Amino acid sequence: MLSPSPVCLDVLLQAFFAEHLPHRRALSPRTIESYKDALRLLLAFIATCTRRAESSITLEDFTPDHIQAFLDHLENERHNSVHSRNLRLAAVRSFLRFAAPSDLSPDHTIERALRVPMKRFQRTKPRHLSRTQMLAIIGQPDGSWIGLRDHALLRTLYDTAATVSEVVRLRVSHLELDGEARIHFCGTRRARSVPLHPDTVAALQAWLAFQSHPHERHAVLFPNQRGEAMTATCVRRRLALAVHRAAARDPELRRQRVSPRIVRHTAAMHLLQCGTDLSVITRRLGHDTPATMHNHARALRQEFHEAL
């Protein structure tokens, strides 16, 4: 009987990330990257515990004790939240299930490691902004290239409830501004079409009209000053600058940390407040099931009871 070897683990990792996740499970590049981070951290932790090089680690080292100690390390030393800890464990479990047929150890190491439980925790209420605050952050364009781009960018983020990674990948070809205006998010397993509000359409039209080549279908929709796609970090900085300007009129914004994710939560909550059906919001946000929106629904009910 052949026993697992370091080469076997390398081959398994290569097949897991190059074939299994992108093709069989159709996960987005961002999700695959988060899985890589989790396995990279785990391998480094096991190497430290066993005082061996990472290249010498085998499947037999993925013991329940090592994985539990790794999770404790994430919480206590890296100060990860319970939610982040559970996401790391989900990535590790996914790899272990993939590698299970290659586990030839007599004590069934992988099978026992898969029994390491998720940690229960109380979900916090999703933070969101008021509509007045959100509109203050979006503001009005100043007529400059950057002003028009940022205005259209923030309008799109709020109107579509898209993630920042989805927005930076948008191309002009993903827009339909004639007839029933909508925007298409492609290239991820959350591929979907989202209708656009007239104010967003106007902002996008003004932005495209300002471009020197507005009809280049494959051009980046929101480029940086070099003509390349904006990075997620750049979007966060532009949003932070918009929040700083809006805080001059609404001092409460100075005490809030506003990220693209908060804008996404805000859009979802405002749709709920308008009475939009949960299944419609689920499709708009690109979630697989309405269950992911239940936390928002609970938060809305809590706000309603507090108001009463």
Protein backbone atom coordinates (compact mmCIF):
# COMPACT_ATOMS: atom_id res chain seq x y z
CA MET A 1 0.00 0.00 0.00
CA LEU A 2 1.34 3.40 -0.94
CA SER A 3 1.54 6.02 1.78
CA PRO A 4 0.96 9.74 1.23
CA SER A 5 4.08 11.73 0.43
CA PRO A 6 4.96 15.42 0.15
CA VAL A 7 4.73 15.07 -3.62
CA CYS A 8 1.23 13.64 -3.26
CA LEU A 9 0.19 16.68 -1.21
CA ASP A 10 1.66 19.08 -3.77
CA VAL A 11 -0.22 17.34 -6.56
CA LEU A 12 -3.45 17.39 -4.57
CA LEU A 13 -3.12 21.11 -3.85
CA GLN A 14 -2.41 21.84 -7.50
CA ALA A 15 -5.45 19.84 -8.65
CA PHE A 16 -7.62 21.40 -5.94
CA PHE A 17 -6.87 25.00 -6.92
CA ALA A 18 -6.39 24.59 -10.68
CA GLU A 19 -9.20 22.16 -11.49
CA HIS A 20 -11.60 21.40 -8.65
CA LEU A 21 -12.46 24.88 -7.37
CA PRO A 22 -12.61 26.88 -10.65
CA HIS A 23 -14.14 24.19 -12.89
CA ARG A 24 -16.06 21.65 -10.81
CA ARG A 25 -17.32 24.04 -8.17
CA ALA A 26 -17.22 27.18 -10.37
CA LEU A 27 -16.01 29.41 -7.54
CA SER A 28 -15.02 33.00 -8.23
CA PRO A 29 -11.30 33.97 -8.34
CA ARG A 30 -11.78 35.99 -5.14
CA THR A 31 -13.17 32.97 -3.27
CA ILE A 32 -10.37 30.75 -4.58
CA GLU A 33 -7.84 33.30 -3.36
CA SER A 34 -9.38 33.22 0.12
CA TYR A 35 -9.12 29.41 0.10
CA LYS A 36 -5.44 29.71 -0.84
CA ASP A 37 -4.87 32.09 2.07
CA ALA A 38 -6.49 29.63 4.50
CA LEU A 39 -4.40 26.65 3.30
CA ARG A 40 -1.24 28.78 3.20
CA LEU A 41 -1.75 29.82 6.82
CA LEU A 42 -2.52 26.25 7.89
CA LEU A 43 0.57 24.80 6.20
CA ALA A 44 2.79 27.47 7.79
CA PHE A 45 1.22 26.75 11.20
CA ILE A 46 1.74 22.98 10.89
CA ALA A 47 5.34 23.55 9.80
CA THR A 48 5.92 25.67 12.91
CA CYS A 49 4.28 23.09 15.19
CA THR A 50 6.20 20.14 13.74
CA ARG A 51 9.45 22.11 13.26
CA ARG A 52 9.67 20.87 9.69
CA ALA A 53 9.76 22.52 6.31
CA GLU A 54 6.43 23.06 4.61
CA SER A 55 7.62 20.92 1.71
CA SER A 56 7.81 17.88 4.03
CA ILE A 57 4.21 18.14 5.27
CA THR A 58 1.93 15.23 4.32
CA LEU A 59 -1.77 14.50 4.60
CA GLU A 60 -1.08 12.69 7.87
CA ASP A 61 -0.17 16.07 9.41
CA PHE A 62 -3.73 17.35 8.93
CA THR A 63 -4.73 15.98 12.31
CA PRO A 64 -7.71 17.20 14.35
CA ASP A 65 -5.28 18.49 17.00
CA HIS A 66 -3.33 20.55 14.48
CA ILE A 67 -6.48 21.98 12.92
CA GLN A 68 -8.04 22.83 16.29
CA ALA A 69 -4.80 24.47 17.42
CA PHE A 70 -4.70 26.41 14.13
CA LEU A 71 -8.23 27.72 14.72
CA ASP A 72 -7.31 28.78 18.27
CA HIS A 73 -4.22 30.49 16.82
CA LEU A 74 -6.42 32.45 14.38
CA GLU A 75 -8.67 33.71 17.18
CA ASN A 76 -6.16 34.30 19.96
CA GLU A 77 -3.01 35.40 18.15
CA ARG A 78 -4.20 36.72 14.78
CA HIS A 79 -7.36 38.16 16.40
CA ASN A 80 -9.70 36.84 13.71
CA SER A 81 -13.42 37.03 14.42
CA VAL A 82 -15.37 33.80 14.90
CA HIS A 83 -16.92 34.38 11.49
CA SER A 84 -13.46 34.64 9.85
CA ARG A 85 -12.30 31.57 11.77
CA ASN A 86 -15.26 29.58 10.46
CA LEU A 87 -14.58 30.75 6.90
CA ARG A 88 -10.99 29.48 7.20
CA LEU A 89 -12.26 26.16 8.52
CA ALA A 90 -14.74 25.89 5.64
CA ALA A 91 -11.86 26.29 3.17
CA VAL A 92 -9.81 23.64 4.98
CA ARG A 93 -12.78 21.28 5.06
CA SER A 94 -13.30 21.71 1.34
CA PHE A 95 -9.72 20.63 0.69
CA LEU A 96 -9.96 17.74 3.14
CA ARG A 97 -13.09 16.40 1.43
CA PHE A 98 -11.30 16.64 -1.90
CA ALA A 99 -8.20 14.89 -0.51
CA ALA A 100 -10.09 12.20 1.47
CA PRO A 101 -9.79 9.48 -1.24
CA SER A 102 -5.99 9.89 -1.07
CA ASP A 103 -5.86 9.42 2.71
CA LEU A 104 -4.36 5.97 3.19
CA SER A 105 -3.44 6.41 6.84
CA PRO A 106 -4.61 3.54 9.09
CA ASP A 107 -6.18 5.91 11.63
CA HIS A 108 -8.22 7.79 8.98
CA THR A 109 -6.70 11.20 9.73
CA ILE A 110 -8.77 13.14 7.20
CA GLU A 111 -12.04 11.59 8.32
CA ARG A 112 -11.33 12.57 11.92
CA ALA A 113 -10.16 16.06 10.93
CA LEU A 114 -13.45 16.69 9.13
CA ARG A 115 -15.23 16.34 12.48
CA VAL A 116 -13.63 19.50 13.87
CA PRO A 117 -16.75 21.65 14.44
CA MET A 118 -17.61 25.16 13.40
CA LYS A 119 -17.88 27.59 16.30
CA ARG A 120 -21.29 29.00 17.10
CA PHE A 121 -21.60 32.76 17.36
CA GLN A 122 -24.21 35.47 17.46
CA ARG A 123 -24.40 37.32 14.17
CA THR A 124 -24.14 41.06 14.62
CA LYS A 125 -26.72 43.33 13.09
CA PRO A 126 -25.47 44.48 9.68
CA ARG A 127 -24.49 48.15 9.82
CA HIS A 128 -26.06 50.44 7.28
CA LEU A 129 -26.53 54.12 6.53
CA SER A 130 -29.68 56.17 6.23
CA ARG A 131 -30.84 57.18 2.77
CA THR A 132 -29.98 60.81 3.56
CA GLN A 133 -26.44 59.82 4.54
CA MET A 134 -25.99 57.66 1.45
CA LEU A 135 -27.14 60.44 -0.87
CA ALA A 136 -24.83 62.89 0.90
CA ILE A 137 -21.89 60.56 0.28
CA ILE A 138 -22.80 60.15 -3.41
CA GLY A 139 -23.13 63.93 -3.67
CA GLN A 140 -23.05 65.80 -6.95
CA PRO A 141 -20.25 65.69 -9.57
CA ASP A 142 -18.02 68.75 -9.87
CA GLY A 143 -17.71 68.40 -13.65
CA SER A 144 -14.14 67.08 -13.56
CA TRP A 145 -13.02 63.71 -14.95
CA ILE A 146 -12.50 62.24 -11.48
CA GLY A 147 -15.69 63.86 -10.13
CA LEU A 148 -17.87 62.37 -12.87
CA ARG A 149 -16.22 58.96 -12.52
CA ASP A 150 -16.56 58.84 -8.74
CA HIS A 151 -20.18 59.99 -8.89
CA ALA A 152 -21.07 57.29 -11.43
CA LEU A 153 -19.05 54.73 -9.45
CA LEU A 154 -20.78 55.44 -6.14
CA ARG A 155 -24.19 55.55 -7.82
CA THR A 156 -23.51 52.13 -9.35
CA LEU A 157 -22.28 50.63 -6.07
CA TYR A 158 -25.39 51.78 -4.22
CA ASP A 159 -27.94 51.10 -6.95
CA THR A 160 -26.77 47.58 -7.82
CA ALA A 161 -25.59 46.49 -4.34
CA ALA A 162 -22.58 44.97 -6.11
CA THR A 163 -19.37 43.96 -4.40
CA VAL A 164 -16.30 46.10 -5.00
CA SER A 165 -14.60 43.24 -6.89
CA GLU A 166 -17.56 43.05 -9.28
CA VAL A 167 -17.60 46.79 -9.94
CA VAL A 168 -13.89 47.10 -10.76
CA ARG A 169 -14.25 44.33 -13.39
CA LEU A 170 -17.06 46.10 -15.26
CA ARG A 171 -16.62 46.97 -18.93
CA VAL A 172 -18.61 49.37 -21.09
CA SER A 173 -20.05 46.31 -22.86
CA HIS A 174 -21.73 45.26 -19.61
CA LEU A 175 -24.05 48.28 -19.81
CA GLU A 176 -27.44 48.50 -21.50
CA LEU A 177 -28.64 52.10 -21.33
CA ASP A 178 -31.22 51.98 -24.14
CA GLY A 179 -34.76 50.89 -23.31
CA GLU A 180 -34.88 49.12 -19.96
CA ALA A 181 -31.49 50.14 -18.61
CA ARG A 182 -29.57 47.42 -16.82
CA ILE A 183 -26.07 46.28 -16.03
CA HIS A 184 -24.67 42.77 -16.43
CA PHE A 185 -22.29 41.25 -13.92
CA CYS A 186 -20.37 38.42 -15.58
CA GLY A 187 -17.42 36.17 -14.98
CA THR A 188 -18.40 34.91 -11.51
CA ARG A 189 -20.88 32.37 -10.29
CA ARG A 190 -23.03 35.38 -9.29
CA ALA A 191 -23.58 36.31 -12.95
CA ARG A 192 -26.77 38.36 -13.16
CA SER A 193 -28.46 41.39 -14.73
CA VAL A 194 -29.57 44.27 -12.50
CA PRO A 195 -31.97 47.06 -13.60
CA LEU A 196 -30.71 50.60 -13.09
CA HIS A 197 -32.40 53.61 -11.47
CA PRO A 198 -32.83 56.66 -13.78
CA ASP A 199 -30.42 58.69 -11.60
CA THR A 200 -27.75 56.01 -12.07
CA VAL A 201 -28.40 55.92 -15.81
CA ALA A 202 -27.98 59.71 -15.99
CA ALA A 203 -24.71 59.54 -14.01
CA LEU A 204 -23.34 56.79 -16.27
CA GLN A 205 -24.36 58.62 -19.44
CA ALA A 206 -22.67 61.82 -18.23
CA TRP A 207 -19.55 59.87 -17.37
CA LEU A 208 -19.41 58.06 -20.74
CA ALA A 209 -20.06 61.28 -22.64
CA PHE A 210 -17.00 62.79 -20.96
CA GLN A 211 -14.77 59.99 -22.26
CA SER A 212 -12.67 60.47 -25.37
CA HIS A 213 -13.79 57.05 -26.67
CA PRO A 214 -17.13 56.37 -24.94
CA HIS A 215 -18.21 53.65 -27.38
CA GLU A 216 -15.27 51.29 -26.97
CA ARG A 217 -17.25 48.30 -25.78
CA HIS A 218 -14.36 46.49 -24.14
CA ALA A 219 -13.00 49.53 -22.33
CA VAL A 220 -12.94 49.52 -18.53
CA LEU A 221 -16.06 51.25 -17.22
CA PHE A 222 -14.32 52.85 -14.22
CA PRO A 223 -10.62 53.31 -15.09
CA ASN A 224 -7.91 54.99 -13.09
CA GLN A 225 -5.95 57.90 -14.54
CA ARG A 226 -3.67 55.49 -16.41
CA GLY A 227 -6.66 53.97 -18.17
CA GLU A 228 -6.44 50.70 -16.25
CA ALA A 229 -9.11 49.12 -14.07
CA MET A 230 -9.33 50.61 -10.59
CA THR A 231 -8.22 48.39 -7.74
CA ALA A 232 -10.46 47.57 -4.79
CA THR A 233 -8.13 49.64 -2.59
CA CYS A 234 -8.53 52.63 -4.90
CA VAL A 235 -12.34 52.34 -4.73
CA ARG A 236 -12.18 52.26 -0.92
CA ARG A 237 -10.02 55.40 -0.90
CA ARG A 238 -12.41 57.27 -3.22
CA LEU A 239 -15.33 56.21 -1.02
CA ALA A 240 -13.46 57.37 2.12
CA LEU A 241 -12.86 60.75 0.48
CA ALA A 242 -16.56 61.06 -0.39
CA VAL A 243 -17.48 60.18 3.22
CA HIS A 244 -15.04 62.80 4.51
CA ARG A 245 -16.70 65.47 2.34
CA ALA A 246 -20.20 64.39 3.40
CA ALA A 247 -19.18 64.47 7.08
CA ALA A 248 -18.93 68.26 6.84
CA ARG A 249 -22.73 68.29 6.52
CA ASP A 250 -23.43 65.20 8.64
CA PRO A 251 -20.99 64.99 11.61
CA GLU A 252 -22.35 61.55 12.52
CA LEU A 253 -20.50 60.14 9.50
CA ARG A 254 -17.20 60.98 11.20
CA ARG A 255 -17.92 58.28 13.77
CA GLN A 256 -18.75 55.61 11.18
CA ARG A 257 -16.45 53.40 9.16
CA VAL A 258 -17.99 53.26 5.69
CA SER A 259 -16.74 50.59 3.30
CA PRO A 260 -18.09 49.24 -0.01
CA ARG A 261 -19.53 46.37 2.02
CA ILE A 262 -21.47 48.84 4.18
CA VAL A 263 -22.82 50.43 0.97
CA ARG A 264 -23.94 46.95 -0.14
CA HIS A 265 -25.68 46.33 3.21
CA THR A 266 -27.26 49.79 2.98
CA ALA A 267 -28.69 49.08 -0.46
CA ALA A 268 -30.14 45.77 0.76
CA MET A 269 -31.71 47.37 3.84
CA HIS A 270 -33.23 50.22 1.83
CA LEU A 271 -34.80 47.71 -0.56
CA LEU A 272 -36.24 45.85 2.42
CA GLN A 273 -37.58 49.09 3.88
CA CYS A 274 -39.36 49.77 0.58
CA GLY A 275 -41.12 46.41 0.85
CA THR A 276 -39.15 44.66 -1.91
CA ASP A 277 -39.61 40.89 -1.84
CA LEU A 278 -36.75 38.98 -0.21
CA SER A 279 -36.25 36.74 -3.25
CA VAL A 280 -35.85 39.81 -5.51
CA ILE A 281 -33.19 41.29 -3.22
CA THR A 282 -31.45 37.91 -3.09
CA ARG A 283 -31.17 37.80 -6.87
CA ARG A 284 -30.07 41.43 -7.03
CA LEU A 285 -27.22 40.81 -4.58
CA GLY A 286 -26.21 37.58 -6.31
CA HIS A 287 -26.84 35.30 -3.32
CA ASP A 288 -27.71 31.66 -3.86
CA THR A 289 -30.62 31.48 -1.42
CA PRO A 290 -32.82 33.96 0.51
CA ALA A 291 -31.40 32.54 3.75
CA THR A 292 -28.43 34.88 3.44
CA MET A 293 -30.80 37.85 3.71
CA HIS A 294 -32.46 36.73 6.94
CA ASN A 295 -29.98 38.66 9.07
CA HIS A 296 -30.97 41.86 7.24
CA ALA A 297 -34.65 41.04 7.71
CA ARG A 298 -34.12 40.50 11.44
CA ALA A 299 -32.29 43.83 11.67
CA LEU A 300 -35.18 45.56 9.91
CA ARG A 301 -37.72 44.02 12.31
CA GLN A 302 -35.60 45.12 15.26
CA GLU A 303 -35.47 48.69 13.96
CA PHE A 304 -39.23 48.62 13.46
CA HIS A 305 -39.85 47.46 17.03
CA GLU A 306 -37.42 50.07 18.39
CA ALA A 307 -39.25 52.77 16.44
CA LEU A 308 -42.58 51.61 17.88
